Amino acid sequence: MNPMTTEQLCQLVVEALEDLKAKDIKVLDVRGKSSITDVMVVASGTSDRQVKALADSVVMKAKQHNVTPLGVEGEQGSEWIVVDLVDVVVHIMLPQVRDFYNLEKLWDANAPQ
């Protein structure tokens, strides 16, 4: 099986998030801005339980397509979970945490300042 392209992996992540009704999914292309990853996906969950379920959905769907996450951080508190799929890093947060850190503004040059 051929390895997934970044775009295919991104689509898989978005589908996994949409399956469980994630809110306000944003895909940020950070190629040339970050040496860590090519794409960041940011999404919100309505509760810590949903944030955890969304992260689990992303991990499960990735593994079904032979993509093993490099790591998953933040599962204990479940206010902000990061799933590192190397080319795509997924940030799933509670809305208040997302508003506070405002990753979209930090990483998206086109975002309003």
PDB file of N, CA and C in Angstrom:
ATOM      1  N   MET A   1       0.844  -1.187   0.000  1.00  0.00           N
ATOM      2  CA  MET A   1       0.000   0.000   0.000  1.00  0.00           C
ATOM      3  C   MET A   1       0.887   1.248   0.000  1.00  0.00           C
ATOM      4  N   ASN A   2       0.577   2.185  -0.856  1.00  0.00           N
ATOM      5  CA  ASN A   2       1.344   3.432  -0.935  1.00  0.00           C
ATOM      6  C   ASN A   2       1.115   4.285   0.306  1.00  0.00           C
ATOM      7  N   PRO A   3       2.156   4.994   0.743  1.00  0.00           N
ATOM      8  CA  PRO A   3       1.942   5.907   1.875  1.00  0.00           C
ATOM      9  C   PRO A   3       0.970   7.021   1.487  1.00  0.00           C
ATOM     10  N   MET A   4       0.250   7.507   2.454  1.00  0.00           N
ATOM     11  CA  MET A   4      -0.729   8.572   2.202  1.00  0.00           C
ATOM     12  C   MET A   4      -0.011   9.889   1.952  1.00  0.00           C
ATOM     13  N   THR A   5      -0.577  10.688   1.063  1.00  0.00           N
ATOM     14  CA  THR A   5      -0.065  12.040   0.879  1.00  0.00           C
ATOM     15  C   THR A   5      -0.541  12.885   2.056  1.00  0.00           C
ATOM     16  N   THR A   6       0.068  14.037   2.229  1.00  0.00           N
ATOM     17  CA  THR A   6      -0.355  14.952   3.291  1.00  0.00           C
ATOM     18  C   THR A   6      -1.819  15.325   3.096  1.00  0.00           C
ATOM     19  N   GLU A   7      -2.217  15.555   1.849  1.00  0.00           N
ATOM     20  CA  GLU A   7      -3.606  15.940   1.560  1.00  0.00           C
ATOM     21  C   GLU A   7      -4.579  14.822   1.919  1.00  0.00           C
ATOM     22  N   GLN A   8      -4.218  13.575   1.607  1.00  0.00           N
ATOM     23  CA  GLN A   8      -5.079  12.440   1.946  1.00  0.00           C
ATOM     24  C   GLN A   8      -5.188  12.273   3.464  1.00  0.00           C
ATOM     25  N   LEU A   9      -4.068  12.442   4.143  1.00  0.00           N
ATOM     26  CA  LEU A   9      -4.063  12.337   5.597  1.00  0.00           C
ATOM     27  C   LEU A   9      -4.919  13.439   6.216  1.00  0.00           C
ATOM     28  N   CYS A  10      -4.824  14.615   5.661  1.00  0.00           N
ATOM     29  CA  CYS A  10      -5.635  15.753   6.119  1.00  0.00           C
ATOM     30  C   CYS A  10      -7.124  15.442   5.967  1.00  0.00           C
ATOM     31  N   GLN A  11      -7.490  14.920   4.820  1.00  0.00           N
ATOM     32  CA  GLN A  11      -8.893  14.576   4.554  1.00  0.00           C
ATOM     33  C   GLN A  11      -9.372  13.509   5.543  1.00  0.00           C
ATOM     34  N   LEU A  12      -8.532  12.525   5.812  1.00  0.00           N
ATOM     35  CA  LEU A  12      -8.872  11.470   6.752  1.00  0.00           C
ATOM     36  C   LEU A  12      -9.118  12.058   8.145  1.00  0.00           C
ATOM     37  N   VAL A  13      -8.251  12.979   8.565  1.00  0.00           N
ATOM     38  CA  VAL A  13      -8.388  13.628   9.874  1.00  0.00           C
ATOM     39  C   VAL A  13      -9.694  14.412   9.946  1.00  0.00           C
ATOM     40  N   VAL A  14      -9.977  15.199   8.920  1.00  0.00           N
ATOM     41  CA  VAL A  14     -11.202  16.009   8.902  1.00  0.00           C
ATOM     42  C   VAL A  14     -12.432  15.099   8.953  1.00  0.00           C
ATOM     43  N   GLU A  15     -12.417  14.005   8.208  1.00  0.00           N
ATOM     44  CA  GLU A  15     -13.544  13.055   8.240  1.00  0.00           C
ATOM     45  C   GLU A  15     -13.718  12.455   9.635  1.00  0.00           C
ATOM     46  N   ALA A  16     -12.602  12.090  10.281  1.00  0.00           N
ATOM     47  CA  ALA A  16     -12.677  11.519  11.637  1.00  0.00           C
ATOM     48  C   ALA A  16     -13.282  12.532  12.609  1.00  0.00           C
ATOM     49  N   LEU A  17     -12.927  13.802  12.443  1.00  0.00           N
ATOM     50  CA  LEU A  17     -13.471  14.853  13.311  1.00  0.00           C
ATOM     51  C   LEU A  17     -14.946  15.116  12.997  1.00  0.00           C
ATOM     52  N   GLU A  18     -15.289  15.154  11.710  1.00  0.00           N
ATOM     53  CA  GLU A  18     -16.685  15.401  11.321  1.00  0.00           C
ATOM     54  C   GLU A  18     -17.595  14.265  11.770  1.00  0.00           C
ATOM     55  N   ASP A  19     -17.079  13.033  11.753  1.00  0.00           N
ATOM     56  CA  ASP A  19     -17.876  11.872  12.166  1.00  0.00           C
ATOM     57  C   ASP A  19     -18.428  12.042  13.571  1.00  0.00           C
ATOM     58  N   LEU A  20     -17.666  12.707  14.434  1.00  0.00           N
ATOM     59  CA  LEU A  20     -18.100  12.896  15.824  1.00  0.00           C
ATOM     60  C   LEU A  20     -18.505  14.345  16.115  1.00  0.00           C
ATOM     61  N   LYS A  21     -18.831  15.074  15.059  1.00  0.00           N
ATOM     62  CA  LYS A  21     -19.415  16.419  15.191  1.00  0.00           C
ATOM     63  C   LYS A  21     -18.493  17.444  15.850  1.00  0.00           C
ATOM     64  N   ALA A  22     -17.201  17.425  15.484  1.00  0.00           N
ATOM     65  CA  ALA A  22     -16.284  18.460  15.967  1.00  0.00           C
ATOM     66  C   ALA A  22     -16.780  19.820  15.481  1.00  0.00           C
ATOM     67  N   LYS A  23     -16.487  20.848  16.239  1.00  0.00           N
ATOM     68  CA  LYS A  23     -16.910  22.209  15.899  1.00  0.00           C
ATOM     69  C   LYS A  23     -15.749  22.981  15.283  1.00  0.00           C
ATOM     70  N   ASP A  24     -16.056  23.842  14.319  1.00  0.00           N
ATOM     71  CA  ASP A  24     -15.115  24.843  13.812  1.00  0.00           C
ATOM     72  C   ASP A  24     -13.757  24.238  13.409  1.00  0.00           C
ATOM     73  N   ILE A  25     -13.797  23.269  12.495  1.00  0.00           N
ATOM     74  CA  ILE A  25     -12.571  22.611  12.034  1.00  0.00           C
ATOM     75  C   ILE A  25     -11.831  23.546  11.079  1.00  0.00           C
ATOM     76  N   LYS A  26     -10.565  23.784  11.370  1.00  0.00           N
ATOM     77  CA  LYS A  26      -9.725  24.639  10.523  1.00  0.00           C
ATOM     78  C   LYS A  26      -8.482  23.862  10.115  1.00  0.00           C
ATOM     79  N   VAL A  27      -8.132  23.954   8.830  1.00  0.00           N
ATOM     80  CA  VAL A  27      -6.931  23.315   8.307  1.00  0.00           C
ATOM     81  C   VAL A  27      -5.952  24.422   7.945  1.00  0.00           C
ATOM     82  N   LEU A  28      -4.788  24.413   8.591  1.00  0.00           N
ATOM     83  CA  LEU A  28      -3.779  25.448   8.375  1.00  0.00           C
ATOM     84  C   LEU A  28      -2.542  24.843   7.717  1.00  0.00           C
ATOM     85  N   ASP A  29      -2.227  25.308   6.518  1.00  0.00           N
ATOM     86  CA  ASP A  29      -1.012  24.856   5.841  1.00  0.00           C
ATOM     87  C   ASP A  29       0.149  25.666   6.406  1.00  0.00           C
ATOM     88  N   VAL A  30       1.046  25.010   7.117  1.00  0.00           N
ATOM     89  CA  VAL A  30       2.164  25.709   7.765  1.00  0.00           C
ATOM     90  C   VAL A  30       3.506  25.353   7.115  1.00  0.00           C
ATOM     91  N   ARG A  31       3.456  24.819   5.897  1.00  0.00           N
ATOM     92  CA  ARG A  31       4.703  24.543   5.179  1.00  0.00           C
ATOM     93  C   ARG A  31       5.461  25.853   5.014  1.00  0.00           C
ATOM     94  N   GLY A  32       6.725  25.848   5.341  1.00  0.00           N
ATOM     95  CA  GLY A  32       7.535  27.061   5.254  1.00  0.00           C
ATOM     96  C   GLY A  32       7.458  27.931   6.500  1.00  0.00           C
ATOM     97  N   LYS A  33       6.506  27.645   7.392  1.00  0.00           N
ATOM     98  CA  LYS A  33       6.366  28.403   8.639  1.00  0.00           C
ATOM     99  C   LYS A  33       6.785  27.576   9.843  1.00  0.00           C
ATOM    100  N   SER A  34       6.754  26.253   9.682  1.00  0.00           N
ATOM    101  CA  SER A  34       7.066  25.357  10.784  1.00  0.00           C
ATOM    102  C   SER A  34       7.932  24.215  10.279  1.00  0.00           C
ATOM    103  N   SER A  35       8.938  23.867  11.054  1.00  0.00           N
ATOM    104  CA  SER A  35       9.763  22.712  10.701  1.00  0.00           C
ATOM    105  C   SER A  35       9.195  21.440  11.332  1.00  0.00           C
ATOM    106  N   ILE A  36       8.149  21.584  12.134  1.00  0.00           N
ATOM    107  CA  ILE A  36       7.576  20.454  12.859  1.00  0.00           C
ATOM    108  C   ILE A  36       6.642  19.637  11.979  1.00  0.00           C
ATOM    109  N   THR A  37       5.837  20.301  11.175  1.00  0.00           N
ATOM    110  CA  THR A  37       4.798  19.633  10.402  1.00  0.00           C
ATOM    111  C   THR A  37       4.455  20.447   9.170  1.00  0.00           C
ATOM    112  N   ASP A  38       3.680  19.861   8.275  1.00  0.00           N
ATOM    113  CA  ASP A  38       3.225  20.560   7.075  1.00  0.00           C
ATOM    114  C   ASP A  38       1.853  21.214   7.271  1.00  0.00           C
ATOM    115  N   VAL A  39       0.997  20.521   8.025  1.00  0.00           N
ATOM    116  CA  VAL A  39      -0.382  20.984   8.195  1.00  0.00           C
ATOM    117  C   VAL A  39      -0.796  20.840   9.648  1.00  0.00           C
ATOM    118  N   MET A  40      -1.505  21.845  10.150  1.00  0.00           N
ATOM    119  CA  MET A  40      -2.128  21.749  11.468  1.00  0.00           C
ATOM    120  C   MET A  40      -3.634  21.777  11.269  1.00  0.00           C
ATOM    121  N   VAL A  41      -4.298  20.894  11.964  1.00  0.00           N
ATOM    122  CA  VAL A  41      -5.756  20.883  11.970  1.00  0.00           C
ATOM    123  C   VAL A  41      -6.173  21.251  13.384  1.00  0.00           C
ATOM    124  N   VAL A  42      -7.043  22.240  13.502  1.00  0.00           N
ATOM    125  CA  VAL A  42      -7.521  22.703  14.799  1.00  0.00           C
ATOM    126  C   VAL A  42      -9.031  22.502  14.827  1.00  0.00           C
ATOM    127  N   ALA A  43      -9.526  21.922  15.921  1.00  0.00           N
ATOM    128  CA  ALA A  43     -10.967  21.692  16.055  1.00  0.00           C
ATOM    129  C   ALA A  43     -11.361  21.826  17.514  1.00  0.00           C
ATOM    130  N   SER A  44     -12.650  22.056  17.736  1.00  0.00           N
ATOM    131  CA  SER A  44     -13.175  22.184  19.094  1.00  0.00           C
ATOM    132  C   SER A  44     -14.131  21.044  19.400  1.00  0.00           C
ATOM    133  N   GLY A  45     -14.121  20.658  20.676  1.00  0.00           N
ATOM    134  CA  GLY A  45     -15.106  19.723  21.195  1.00  0.00           C
ATOM    135  C   GLY A  45     -15.933  20.447  22.234  1.00  0.00           C
ATOM    136  N   THR A  46     -17.146  19.994  22.455  1.00  0.00           N
ATOM    137  CA  THR A  46     -18.055  20.697  23.360  1.00  0.00           C
ATOM    138  C   THR A  46     -17.825  20.350  24.832  1.00  0.00           C
ATOM    139  N   SER A  47     -17.101  19.269  25.095  1.00  0.00           N
ATOM    140  CA  SER A  47     -16.815  18.853  26.483  1.00  0.00           C
ATOM    141  C   SER A  47     -15.489  18.111  26.487  1.00  0.00           C
ATOM    142  N   ASP A  48     -14.908  17.924  27.682  1.00  0.00           N
ATOM    143  CA  ASP A  48     -13.655  17.173  27.736  1.00  0.00           C
ATOM    144  C   ASP A  48     -13.859  15.749  27.236  1.00  0.00           C
ATOM    145  N   ARG A  49     -15.027  15.203  27.454  1.00  0.00           N
ATOM    146  CA  ARG A  49     -15.338  13.848  26.968  1.00  0.00           C
ATOM    147  C   ARG A  49     -15.352  13.807  25.441  1.00  0.00           C
ATOM    148  N   GLN A  50     -15.942  14.835  24.813  1.00  0.00           N
ATOM    149  CA  GLN A  50     -15.955  14.863  23.355  1.00  0.00           C
ATOM    150  C   GLN A  50     -14.557  15.109  22.795  1.00  0.00           C
ATOM    151  N   VAL A  51     -13.770  15.968  23.437  1.00  0.00           N
ATOM    152  CA  VAL A  51     -12.390  16.208  22.994  1.00  0.00           C
ATOM    153  C   VAL A  51     -11.637  14.874  22.965  1.00  0.00           C
ATOM    154  N   LYS A  52     -11.760  14.081  24.026  1.00  0.00           N
ATOM    155  CA  LYS A  52     -11.097  12.771  24.092  1.00  0.00           C
ATOM    156  C   LYS A  52     -11.619  11.843  22.998  1.00  0.00           C
ATOM    157  N   ALA A  53     -12.931  11.815  22.791  1.00  0.00           N
ATOM    158  CA  ALA A  53     -13.526  10.949  21.765  1.00  0.00           C
ATOM    159  C   ALA A  53     -13.053  11.354  20.362  1.00  0.00           C
ATOM    160  N   LEU A  54     -12.947  12.659  20.125  1.00  0.00           N
ATOM    161  CA  LEU A  54     -12.470  13.138  18.826  1.00  0.00           C
ATOM    162  C   LEU A  54     -11.030  12.697  18.580  1.00  0.00           C
ATOM    163  N   ALA A  55     -10.183  12.827  19.600  1.00  0.00           N
ATOM    164  CA  ALA A  55      -8.788  12.392  19.469  1.00  0.00           C
ATOM    165  C   ALA A  55      -8.725  10.887  19.215  1.00  0.00           C
ATOM    166  N   ASP A  56      -9.518  10.132  19.944  1.00  0.00           N
ATOM    167  CA  ASP A  56      -9.548   8.675  19.747  1.00  0.00           C
ATOM    168  C   ASP A  56      -9.995   8.328  18.324  1.00  0.00           C
ATOM    169  N   SER A  57     -10.958   9.069  17.800  1.00  0.00           N
ATOM    170  CA  SER A  57     -11.452   8.848  16.441  1.00  0.00           C
ATOM    171  C   SER A  57     -10.349   9.094  15.411  1.00  0.00           C
ATOM    172  N   VAL A  58      -9.591  10.171  15.598  1.00  0.00           N
ATOM    173  CA  VAL A  58      -8.485  10.488  14.682  1.00  0.00           C
ATOM    174  C   VAL A  58      -7.437   9.371  14.726  1.00  0.00           C
ATOM    175  N   VAL A  59      -7.070   8.933  15.929  1.00  0.00           N
ATOM    176  CA  VAL A  59      -6.059   7.881  16.082  1.00  0.00           C
ATOM    177  C   VAL A  59      -6.544   6.580  15.439  1.00  0.00           C
ATOM    178  N   MET A  60      -7.795   6.207  15.701  1.00  0.00           N
ATOM    179  CA  MET A  60      -8.338   4.959  15.173  1.00  0.00           C
ATOM    180  C   MET A  60      -8.376   4.978  13.640  1.00  0.00           C
ATOM    181  N   LYS A  61      -8.860   6.069  13.078  1.00  0.00           N
ATOM    182  CA  LYS A  61      -8.962   6.171  11.622  1.00  0.00           C
ATOM    183  C   LYS A  61      -7.573   6.161  10.982  1.00  0.00           C
ATOM    184  N   ALA A  62      -6.613   6.841  11.605  1.00  0.00           N
ATOM    185  CA  ALA A  62      -5.243   6.849  11.091  1.00  0.00           C
ATOM    186  C   ALA A  62      -4.676   5.426  11.089  1.00  0.00           C
ATOM    187  N   LYS A  63      -4.840   4.717  12.198  1.00  0.00           N
ATOM    188  CA  LYS A  63      -4.315   3.355  12.296  1.00  0.00           C
ATOM    189  C   LYS A  63      -4.971   2.423  11.279  1.00  0.00           C
ATOM    190  N   GLN A  64      -6.258   2.647  10.994  1.00  0.00           N
ATOM    191  CA  GLN A  64      -6.944   1.837   9.977  1.00  0.00           C
ATOM    192  C   GLN A  64      -6.314   2.023   8.602  1.00  0.00           C
ATOM    193  N   HIS A  65      -5.626   3.136   8.411  1.00  0.00           N
ATOM    194  CA  HIS A  65      -4.963   3.432   7.136  1.00  0.00           C
ATOM    195  C   HIS A  65      -3.439   3.307   7.263  1.00  0.00           C
ATOM    196  N   ASN A  66      -3.015   2.510   8.238  1.00  0.00           N
ATOM    197  CA  ASN A  66      -1.587   2.215   8.462  1.00  0.00           C
ATOM    198  C   ASN A  66      -0.742   3.447   8.760  1.00  0.00           C
ATOM    199  N   VAL A  67      -1.340   4.427   9.420  1.00  0.00           N
ATOM    200  CA  VAL A  67      -0.604   5.602   9.874  1.00  0.00           C
ATOM    201  C   VAL A  67      -0.562   5.536  11.402  1.00  0.00           C
ATOM    202  N   THR A  68       0.621   5.366  11.943  1.00  0.00           N
ATOM    203  CA  THR A  68       0.779   5.277  13.389  1.00  0.00           C
ATOM    204  C   THR A  68       1.153   6.652  13.930  1.00  0.00           C
ATOM    205  N   PRO A  69       0.358   7.183  14.863  1.00  0.00           N
ATOM    206  CA  PRO A  69       0.695   8.485  15.439  1.00  0.00           C
ATOM    207  C   PRO A  69       2.059   8.459  16.118  1.00  0.00           C
ATOM    208  N   LEU A  70       2.807   9.538  15.941  1.00  0.00           N
ATOM    209  CA  LEU A  70       4.091   9.689  16.621  1.00  0.00           C
ATOM    210  C   LEU A  70       3.850   9.842  18.116  1.00  0.00           C
ATOM    211  N   GLY A  71       2.732  10.471  18.468  1.00  0.00           N
ATOM    212  CA  GLY A  71       2.384  10.633  19.869  1.00  0.00           C
ATOM    213  C   GLY A  71       1.041  11.288  20.040  1.00  0.00           C
ATOM    214  N   VAL A  72       0.490  11.142  21.236  1.00  0.00           N
ATOM    215  CA  VAL A  72      -0.760  11.789  21.625  1.00  0.00           C
ATOM    216  C   VAL A  72      -0.499  12.404  22.986  1.00  0.00           C
ATOM    217  N   GLU A  73      -0.730  13.712  23.103  1.00  0.00           N
ATOM    218  CA  GLU A  73      -0.466  14.425  24.360  1.00  0.00           C
ATOM    219  C   GLU A  73      -1.738  15.086  24.867  1.00  0.00           C
ATOM    220  N   GLY A  74      -1.880  15.151  26.184  1.00  0.00           N
ATOM    221  CA  GLY A  74      -2.964  15.907  26.796  1.00  0.00           C
ATOM    222  C   GLY A  74      -4.197  15.110  27.144  1.00  0.00           C
ATOM    223  N   GLU A  75      -4.108  13.793  27.061  1.00  0.00           N
ATOM    224  CA  GLU A  75      -5.303  12.974  27.306  1.00  0.00           C
ATOM    225  C   GLU A  75      -5.792  13.028  28.747  1.00  0.00           C
ATOM    226  N   GLN A  76      -4.904  13.323  29.693  1.00  0.00           N
ATOM    227  CA  GLN A  76      -5.294  13.343  31.093  1.00  0.00           C
ATOM    228  C   GLN A  76      -6.392  14.365  31.379  1.00  0.00           C
ATOM    229  N   GLY A  77      -6.154  15.631  31.066  1.00  0.00           N
ATOM    230  CA  GLY A  77      -7.145  16.661  31.350  1.00  0.00           C
ATOM    231  C   GLY A  77      -8.203  16.771  30.269  1.00  0.00           C
ATOM    232  N   SER A  78      -7.852  16.415  29.062  1.00  0.00           N
ATOM    233  CA  SER A  78      -8.740  16.435  27.894  1.00  0.00           C
ATOM    234  C   SER A  78      -9.294  17.816  27.555  1.00  0.00           C
ATOM    235  N   GLU A  79      -8.610  18.889  27.988  1.00  0.00           N
ATOM    236  CA  GLU A  79      -9.017  20.228  27.551  1.00  0.00           C
ATOM    237  C   GLU A  79      -8.369  20.558  26.214  1.00  0.00           C
ATOM    238  N   TRP A  80      -7.186  19.954  25.981  1.00  0.00           N
ATOM    239  CA  TRP A  80      -6.440  20.178  24.740  1.00  0.00           C
ATOM    240  C   TRP A  80      -5.646  18.920  24.471  1.00  0.00           C
ATOM    241  N   ILE A  81      -5.983  18.208  23.410  1.00  0.00           N
ATOM    242  CA  ILE A  81      -5.260  16.995  23.037  1.00  0.00           C
ATOM    243  C   ILE A  81      -4.593  17.236  21.684  1.00  0.00           C
ATOM    244  N   VAL A  82      -3.334  16.845  21.598  1.00  0.00           N
ATOM    245  CA  VAL A  82      -2.578  16.960  20.353  1.00  0.00           C
ATOM    246  C   VAL A  82      -2.293  15.549  19.849  1.00  0.00           C
ATOM    247  N   VAL A  83      -2.658  15.304  18.579  1.00  0.00           N
ATOM    248  CA  VAL A  83      -2.350  14.034  17.923  1.00  0.00           C
ATOM    249  C   VAL A  83      -1.322  14.343  16.845  1.00  0.00           C
ATOM    250  N   ASP A  84      -0.129  13.778  16.990  1.00  0.00           N
ATOM    251  CA  ASP A  84       0.968  14.041  16.060  1.00  0.00           C
ATOM    252  C   ASP A  84       1.048  12.921  15.030  1.00  0.00           C
ATOM    253  N   LEU A  85       0.641  13.234  13.801  1.00  0.00           N
ATOM    254  CA  LEU A  85       0.707  12.280  12.698  1.00  0.00           C
ATOM    255  C   LEU A  85       1.857  12.633  11.748  1.00  0.00           C
ATOM    256  N   VAL A  86       2.855  13.312  12.246  1.00  0.00           N
ATOM    257  CA  VAL A  86       4.064  13.771  11.565  1.00  0.00           C
ATOM    258  C   VAL A  86       3.742  14.863  10.554  1.00  0.00           C
ATOM    259  N   ASP A  87       3.196  14.533   9.376  1.00  0.00           N
ATOM    260  CA  ASP A  87       2.893  15.551   8.363  1.00  0.00           C
ATOM    261  C   ASP A  87       1.677  16.398   8.735  1.00  0.00           C
ATOM    262  N   VAL A  88       0.830  15.852   9.600  1.00  0.00           N
ATOM    263  CA  VAL A  88      -0.369  16.559  10.065  1.00  0.00           C
ATOM    264  C   VAL A  88      -0.398  16.466  11.590  1.00  0.00           C
ATOM    265  N   VAL A  89      -0.490  17.629  12.242  1.00  0.00           N
ATOM    266  CA  VAL A  89      -0.628  17.661  13.699  1.00  0.00           C
ATOM    267  C   VAL A  89      -2.029  18.191  14.005  1.00  0.00           C
ATOM    268  N   VAL A  90      -2.761  17.441  14.832  1.00  0.00           N
ATOM    269  CA  VAL A  90      -4.159  17.752  15.122  1.00  0.00           C
ATOM    270  C   VAL A  90      -4.270  18.287  16.548  1.00  0.00           C
ATOM    271  N   HIS A  91      -4.876  19.467  16.691  1.00  0.00           N
ATOM    272  CA  HIS A  91      -5.120  20.084  17.993  1.00  0.00           C
ATOM    273  C   HIS A  91      -6.628  20.070  18.219  1.00  0.00           C
ATOM    274  N   ILE A  92      -7.065  19.385  19.267  1.00  0.00           N
ATOM    275  CA  ILE A  92      -8.492  19.322  19.600  1.00  0.00           C
ATOM    276  C   ILE A  92      -8.641  19.926  20.984  1.00  0.00           C
ATOM    277  N   MET A  93      -9.480  20.982  21.080  1.00  0.00           N
ATOM    278  CA  MET A  93      -9.557  21.743  22.327  1.00  0.00           C
ATOM    279  C   MET A  93     -10.990  22.091  22.702  1.00  0.00           C
ATOM    280  N   LEU A  94     -11.150  22.398  23.983  1.00  0.00           N
ATOM    281  CA  LEU A  94     -12.386  23.035  24.426  1.00  0.00           C
ATOM    282  C   LEU A  94     -12.380  24.459  23.877  1.00  0.00           C
ATOM    283  N   PRO A  95     -13.546  25.037  23.566  1.00  0.00           N
ATOM    284  CA  PRO A  95     -13.588  26.373  22.967  1.00  0.00           C
ATOM    285  C   PRO A  95     -12.847  27.446  23.763  1.00  0.00           C
ATOM    286  N   GLN A  96     -12.943  27.435  25.102  1.00  0.00           N
ATOM    287  CA  GLN A  96     -12.288  28.476  25.891  1.00  0.00           C
ATOM    288  C   GLN A  96     -10.764  28.351  25.822  1.00  0.00           C
ATOM    289  N   VAL A  97     -10.256  27.132  25.737  1.00  0.00           N
ATOM    290  CA  VAL A  97      -8.813  26.909  25.609  1.00  0.00           C
ATOM    291  C   VAL A  97      -8.362  27.370  24.225  1.00  0.00           C
ATOM    292  N   ARG A  98      -9.167  27.040  23.228  1.00  0.00           N
ATOM    293  CA  ARG A  98      -8.855  27.448  21.853  1.00  0.00           C
ATOM    294  C   ARG A  98      -8.832  28.962  21.720  1.00  0.00           C
ATOM    295  N   ASP A  99      -9.796  29.617  22.313  1.00  0.00           N
ATOM    296  CA  ASP A  99      -9.838  31.089  22.263  1.00  0.00           C
ATOM    297  C   ASP A  99      -8.605  31.684  22.943  1.00  0.00           C
ATOM    298  N   PHE A 100      -8.197  31.098  24.056  1.00  0.00           N
ATOM    299  CA  PHE A 100      -7.061  31.631  24.808  1.00  0.00           C
ATOM    300  C   PHE A 100      -5.763  31.526  24.010  1.00  0.00           C
ATOM    301  N   TYR A 101      -5.495  30.353  23.429  1.00  0.00           N
ATOM    302  CA  TYR A 101      -4.227  30.145  22.724  1.00  0.00           C
ATOM    303  C   TYR A 101      -4.247  30.645  21.285  1.00  0.00           C
ATOM    304  N   ASN A 102      -5.422  30.692  20.675  1.00  0.00           N
ATOM    305  CA  ASN A 102      -5.615  31.275  19.349  1.00  0.00           C
ATOM    306  C   ASN A 102      -4.557  30.821  18.335  1.00  0.00           C
ATOM    307  N   LEU A 103      -4.422  29.521  18.157  1.00  0.00           N
ATOM    308  CA  LEU A 103      -3.428  28.966  17.236  1.00  0.00           C
ATOM    309  C   LEU A 103      -3.623  29.429  15.796  1.00  0.00           C
ATOM    310  N   GLU A 104      -4.883  29.621  15.409  1.00  0.00           N
ATOM    311  CA  GLU A 104      -5.125  30.069  14.034  1.00  0.00           C
ATOM    312  C   GLU A 104      -4.425  31.391  13.753  1.00  0.00           C
ATOM    313  N   LYS A 105      -4.532  32.331  14.681  1.00  0.00           N
ATOM    314  CA  LYS A 105      -3.897  33.635  14.498  1.00  0.00           C
ATOM    315  C   LYS A 105      -2.370  33.499  14.509  1.00  0.00           C
ATOM    316  N   LEU A 106      -1.870  32.617  15.354  1.00  0.00           N
ATOM    317  CA  LEU A 106      -0.433  32.414  15.463  1.00  0.00           C
ATOM    318  C   LEU A 106       0.165  31.844  14.177  1.00  0.00           C
ATOM    319  N   TRP A 107      -0.527  30.898  13.562  1.00  0.00           N
ATOM    320  CA  TRP A 107       0.033  30.170  12.421  1.00  0.00           C
ATOM    321  C   TRP A 107      -0.478  30.594  11.066  1.00  0.00           C
ATOM    322  N   ASP A 108      -1.607  31.287  11.001  1.00  0.00           N
ATOM    323  CA  ASP A 108      -2.197  31.633   9.710  1.00  0.00           C
ATOM    324  C   ASP A 108      -1.903  33.096   9.383  1.00  0.00           C
ATOM    325  N   ALA A 109      -1.043  33.299   8.414  1.00  0.00           N
ATOM    326  CA  ALA A 109      -0.660  34.671   8.023  1.00  0.00           C
ATOM    327  C   ALA A 109      -1.855  35.447   7.470  1.00  0.00           C
ATOM    328  N   ASN A 110      -2.863  34.741   6.999  1.00  0.00           N
ATOM    329  CA  ASN A 110      -4.038  35.414   6.413  1.00  0.00           C
ATOM    330  C   ASN A 110      -5.109  35.753   7.442  1.00  0.00           C
ATOM    331  N   ALA A 111      -4.912  35.291   8.668  1.00  0.00           N
ATOM    332  CA  ALA A 111      -5.919  35.552   9.695  1.00  0.00           C
ATOM    333  C   ALA A 111      -5.896  37.030  10.084  1.00  0.00           C
ATOM    334  N   PRO A 112      -7.069  37.565  10.409  1.00  0.00           N
ATOM    335  CA  PRO A 112      -7.109  38.979  10.854  1.00  0.00           C
ATOM    336  C   PRO A 112      -6.333  39.148  12.153  1.00  0.00           C
ATOM    337  N   GLN A 113      -5.602  40.229  12.267  1.00  0.00           N
ATOM    338  CA  GLN A 113      -4.758  40.444  13.460  1.00  0.00           C
ATOM    339  C   GLN A 113      -5.547  41.059  14.573  1.00  0.00           C
TER     340      GLN A 113
END
